[in-house]
Amino acid sequence: DGVRWIIDYKTSSHEGGDREAFIRSEVERYSPQLRAYRQAFECLENRTVRTALYFPLLRLLQVVDVGA
């Protein structure tokens, strides 16, 4: 579809009761890094760039909107 996906794999496991809070915390923690990756690719190519965190141990792909 002409979209560049940047997916940051996170292999940490979560052993707690509040999975949603853990995901929110990880999104907040890694958003600056994803934003930097996005900005770098936007300088190289002229297409839509989307970002996400992937947690294989949780079987979860969390799309992260880091803005333009």
N, C-alpha and C. Protein backbone atom coordinates (compact mmCIF):
# COMPACT_ATOMS: atom_id res chain seq x y z
N ASP A 1 0.81 -1.21 0.00
CA ASP A 1 0.00 0.00 0.00
C ASP A 1 0.85 1.27 0.00
N GLY A 2 2.16 1.13 -0.12
CA GLY A 2 3.02 2.29 -0.12
C GLY A 2 3.31 2.86 1.26
N VAL A 3 3.04 2.09 2.31
CA VAL A 3 3.26 2.55 3.68
C VAL A 3 4.54 1.89 4.21
N ARG A 4 5.40 2.70 4.80
CA ARG A 4 6.60 2.18 5.47
C ARG A 4 6.23 1.93 6.93
N TRP A 5 6.36 0.70 7.37
CA TRP A 5 6.12 0.36 8.77
C TRP A 5 7.44 0.24 9.49
N ILE A 6 7.53 0.87 10.65
CA ILE A 6 8.67 0.71 11.55
C ILE A 6 8.12 0.00 12.77
N ILE A 7 8.58 -1.23 12.98
CA ILE A 7 8.08 -2.04 14.08
C ILE A 7 9.24 -2.38 15.00
N ASP A 8 9.13 -1.94 16.23
CA ASP A 8 10.17 -2.16 17.24
C ASP A 8 9.74 -3.37 18.08
N TYR A 9 10.52 -4.44 17.99
CA TYR A 9 10.21 -5.67 18.72
C TYR A 9 10.67 -5.53 20.17
N LYS A 10 9.80 -5.87 21.10
CA LYS A 10 10.10 -5.83 22.53
C LYS A 10 9.90 -7.23 23.10
N THR A 11 10.99 -7.80 23.58
CA THR A 11 10.92 -9.19 24.06
C THR A 11 10.74 -9.29 25.58
N SER A 12 10.53 -8.17 26.23
CA SER A 12 10.29 -8.22 27.67
C SER A 12 8.95 -8.89 27.93
N SER A 13 8.90 -9.61 29.05
CA SER A 13 7.63 -10.26 29.41
C SER A 13 6.95 -9.43 30.50
N HIS A 14 5.66 -9.60 30.59
CA HIS A 14 4.88 -8.88 31.60
C HIS A 14 4.25 -9.92 32.51
N GLU A 15 4.60 -9.83 33.78
CA GLU A 15 4.07 -10.79 34.76
C GLU A 15 3.31 -10.03 35.84
N GLY A 16 2.29 -9.34 35.42
CA GLY A 16 1.49 -8.59 36.38
C GLY A 16 0.03 -8.65 35.99
N GLY A 17 -0.78 -7.99 36.78
CA GLY A 17 -2.20 -8.04 36.54
C GLY A 17 -2.72 -7.01 35.55
N ASP A 18 -2.04 -5.88 35.41
CA ASP A 18 -2.57 -4.80 34.60
C ASP A 18 -1.82 -4.70 33.28
N ARG A 19 -2.19 -5.53 32.34
CA ARG A 19 -1.53 -5.59 31.04
C ARG A 19 -1.66 -4.26 30.29
N GLU A 20 -2.82 -3.63 30.34
CA GLU A 20 -3.05 -2.37 29.63
C GLU A 20 -2.13 -1.27 30.16
N ALA A 21 -1.94 -1.23 31.48
CA ALA A 21 -1.03 -0.23 32.08
C ALA A 21 0.40 -0.48 31.62
N PHE A 22 0.79 -1.74 31.53
CA PHE A 22 2.13 -2.09 31.05
C PHE A 22 2.31 -1.61 29.61
N ILE A 23 1.33 -1.84 28.76
CA ILE A 23 1.42 -1.43 27.35
C ILE A 23 1.49 0.09 27.27
N ARG A 24 0.66 0.79 28.02
CA ARG A 24 0.69 2.26 28.02
C ARG A 24 2.08 2.77 28.44
N SER A 25 2.63 2.15 29.45
CA SER A 25 3.96 2.54 29.93
C SER A 25 5.03 2.33 28.86
N GLU A 26 4.96 1.21 28.16
CA GLU A 26 5.93 0.92 27.11
C GLU A 26 5.77 1.88 25.93
N VAL A 27 4.54 2.20 25.59
CA VAL A 27 4.29 3.16 24.51
C VAL A 27 4.90 4.51 24.89
N GLU A 28 4.66 4.96 26.10
CA GLU A 28 5.22 6.23 26.55
C GLU A 28 6.75 6.19 26.55
N ARG A 29 7.30 5.10 27.01
CA ARG A 29 8.76 4.94 27.10
C ARG A 29 9.43 4.96 25.73
N TYR A 30 8.84 4.31 24.74
CA TYR A 30 9.50 4.14 23.45
C TYR A 30 9.01 5.09 22.36
N SER A 31 8.03 5.92 22.64
CA SER A 31 7.54 6.87 21.63
C SER A 31 8.62 7.81 21.11
N PRO A 32 9.48 8.37 21.97
CA PRO A 32 10.54 9.25 21.43
C PRO A 32 11.47 8.52 20.45
N GLN A 33 11.78 7.29 20.75
CA GLN A 33 12.64 6.50 19.86
C GLN A 33 11.93 6.23 18.53
N LEU A 34 10.67 5.85 18.57
CA LEU A 34 9.91 5.61 17.35
C LEU A 34 9.77 6.90 16.54
N ARG A 35 9.59 8.02 17.23
CA ARG A 35 9.47 9.31 16.54
C ARG A 35 10.76 9.63 15.79
N ALA A 36 11.90 9.36 16.41
CA ALA A 36 13.19 9.61 15.75
C ALA A 36 13.34 8.72 14.52
N TYR A 37 12.97 7.46 14.63
CA TYR A 37 13.02 6.56 13.46
C TYR A 37 12.13 7.09 12.35
N ARG A 38 10.93 7.50 12.72
CA ARG A 38 9.99 8.00 11.72
C ARG A 38 10.55 9.22 11.00
N GLN A 39 11.08 10.16 11.76
CA GLN A 39 11.64 11.37 11.16
C GLN A 39 12.79 11.05 10.22
N ALA A 40 13.61 10.08 10.59
CA ALA A 40 14.72 9.69 9.72
C ALA A 40 14.21 9.14 8.39
N PHE A 41 13.21 8.28 8.44
CA PHE A 41 12.68 7.72 7.19
C PHE A 41 11.95 8.76 6.36
N GLU A 42 11.30 9.71 7.02
CA GLU A 42 10.60 10.76 6.28
C GLU A 42 11.60 11.64 5.50
N CYS A 43 12.83 11.72 5.99
CA CYS A 43 13.87 12.46 5.26
C CYS A 43 14.36 11.68 4.04
N LEU A 44 14.23 10.38 4.07
CA LEU A 44 14.75 9.52 3.01
C LEU A 44 13.74 9.21 1.92
N GLU A 45 12.46 9.15 2.26
CA GLU A 45 11.44 8.72 1.31
C GLU A 45 10.20 9.60 1.42
N ASN A 46 9.45 9.58 0.37
CA ASN A 46 8.22 10.35 0.34
C ASN A 46 7.02 9.39 0.35
N ARG A 47 6.78 8.80 1.51
CA ARG A 47 5.60 7.95 1.67
C ARG A 47 5.18 7.94 3.14
N THR A 48 4.02 7.46 3.39
CA THR A 48 3.48 7.41 4.75
C THR A 48 4.32 6.48 5.60
N VAL A 49 4.61 6.92 6.83
CA VAL A 49 5.38 6.11 7.78
C VAL A 49 4.50 5.86 9.00
N ARG A 50 4.35 4.60 9.37
CA ARG A 50 3.58 4.21 10.57
C ARG A 50 4.52 3.49 11.51
N THR A 51 4.24 3.57 12.80
CA THR A 51 5.10 2.95 13.81
C THR A 51 4.28 2.06 14.74
N ALA A 52 4.97 1.06 15.29
CA ALA A 52 4.31 0.14 16.21
C ALA A 52 5.34 -0.53 17.10
N LEU A 53 4.86 -1.02 18.22
CA LEU A 53 5.65 -1.89 19.09
C LEU A 53 5.07 -3.29 18.97
N TYR A 54 5.95 -4.29 18.87
CA TYR A 54 5.49 -5.67 18.79
C TYR A 54 6.02 -6.43 19.99
N PHE A 55 5.11 -7.07 20.70
CA PHE A 55 5.44 -7.87 21.87
C PHE A 55 5.16 -9.33 21.56
N PRO A 56 6.16 -10.06 21.04
CA PRO A 56 5.91 -11.45 20.63
C PRO A 56 5.47 -12.36 21.78
N LEU A 57 5.97 -12.12 22.98
CA LEU A 57 5.57 -12.97 24.11
C LEU A 57 4.12 -12.72 24.51
N LEU A 58 3.61 -11.54 24.20
CA LEU A 58 2.20 -11.22 24.48
C LEU A 58 1.32 -11.40 23.26
N ARG A 59 1.96 -11.69 22.11
CA ARG A 59 1.24 -11.81 20.84
C ARG A 59 0.42 -10.55 20.56
N LEU A 60 1.12 -9.40 20.66
CA LEU A 60 0.44 -8.12 20.53
C LEU A 60 1.25 -7.17 19.65
N LEU A 61 0.59 -6.59 18.66
CA LEU A 61 1.14 -5.51 17.87
C LEU A 61 0.40 -4.24 18.28
N GLN A 62 1.12 -3.31 18.88
CA GLN A 62 0.51 -2.06 19.36
C GLN A 62 0.94 -0.93 18.44
N VAL A 63 -0.01 -0.43 17.64
CA VAL A 63 0.28 0.71 16.78
C VAL A 63 0.49 1.93 17.66
N VAL A 64 1.54 2.70 17.35
CA VAL A 64 1.89 3.89 18.14
C VAL A 64 1.88 5.09 17.19
N ASP A 65 1.00 6.03 17.45
CA ASP A 65 0.93 7.24 16.64
C ASP A 65 1.83 8.28 17.27
N VAL A 66 2.99 8.51 16.65
CA VAL A 66 3.96 9.47 17.18
C VAL A 66 3.84 10.83 16.51
N GLY A 67 2.82 11.02 15.70
CA GLY A 67 2.60 12.31 15.05
C GLY A 67 3.58 12.56 13.93
N ALA A 68 3.39 13.68 13.26
CA ALA A 68 4.26 14.02 12.13
C ALA A 68 5.48 14.77 12.59
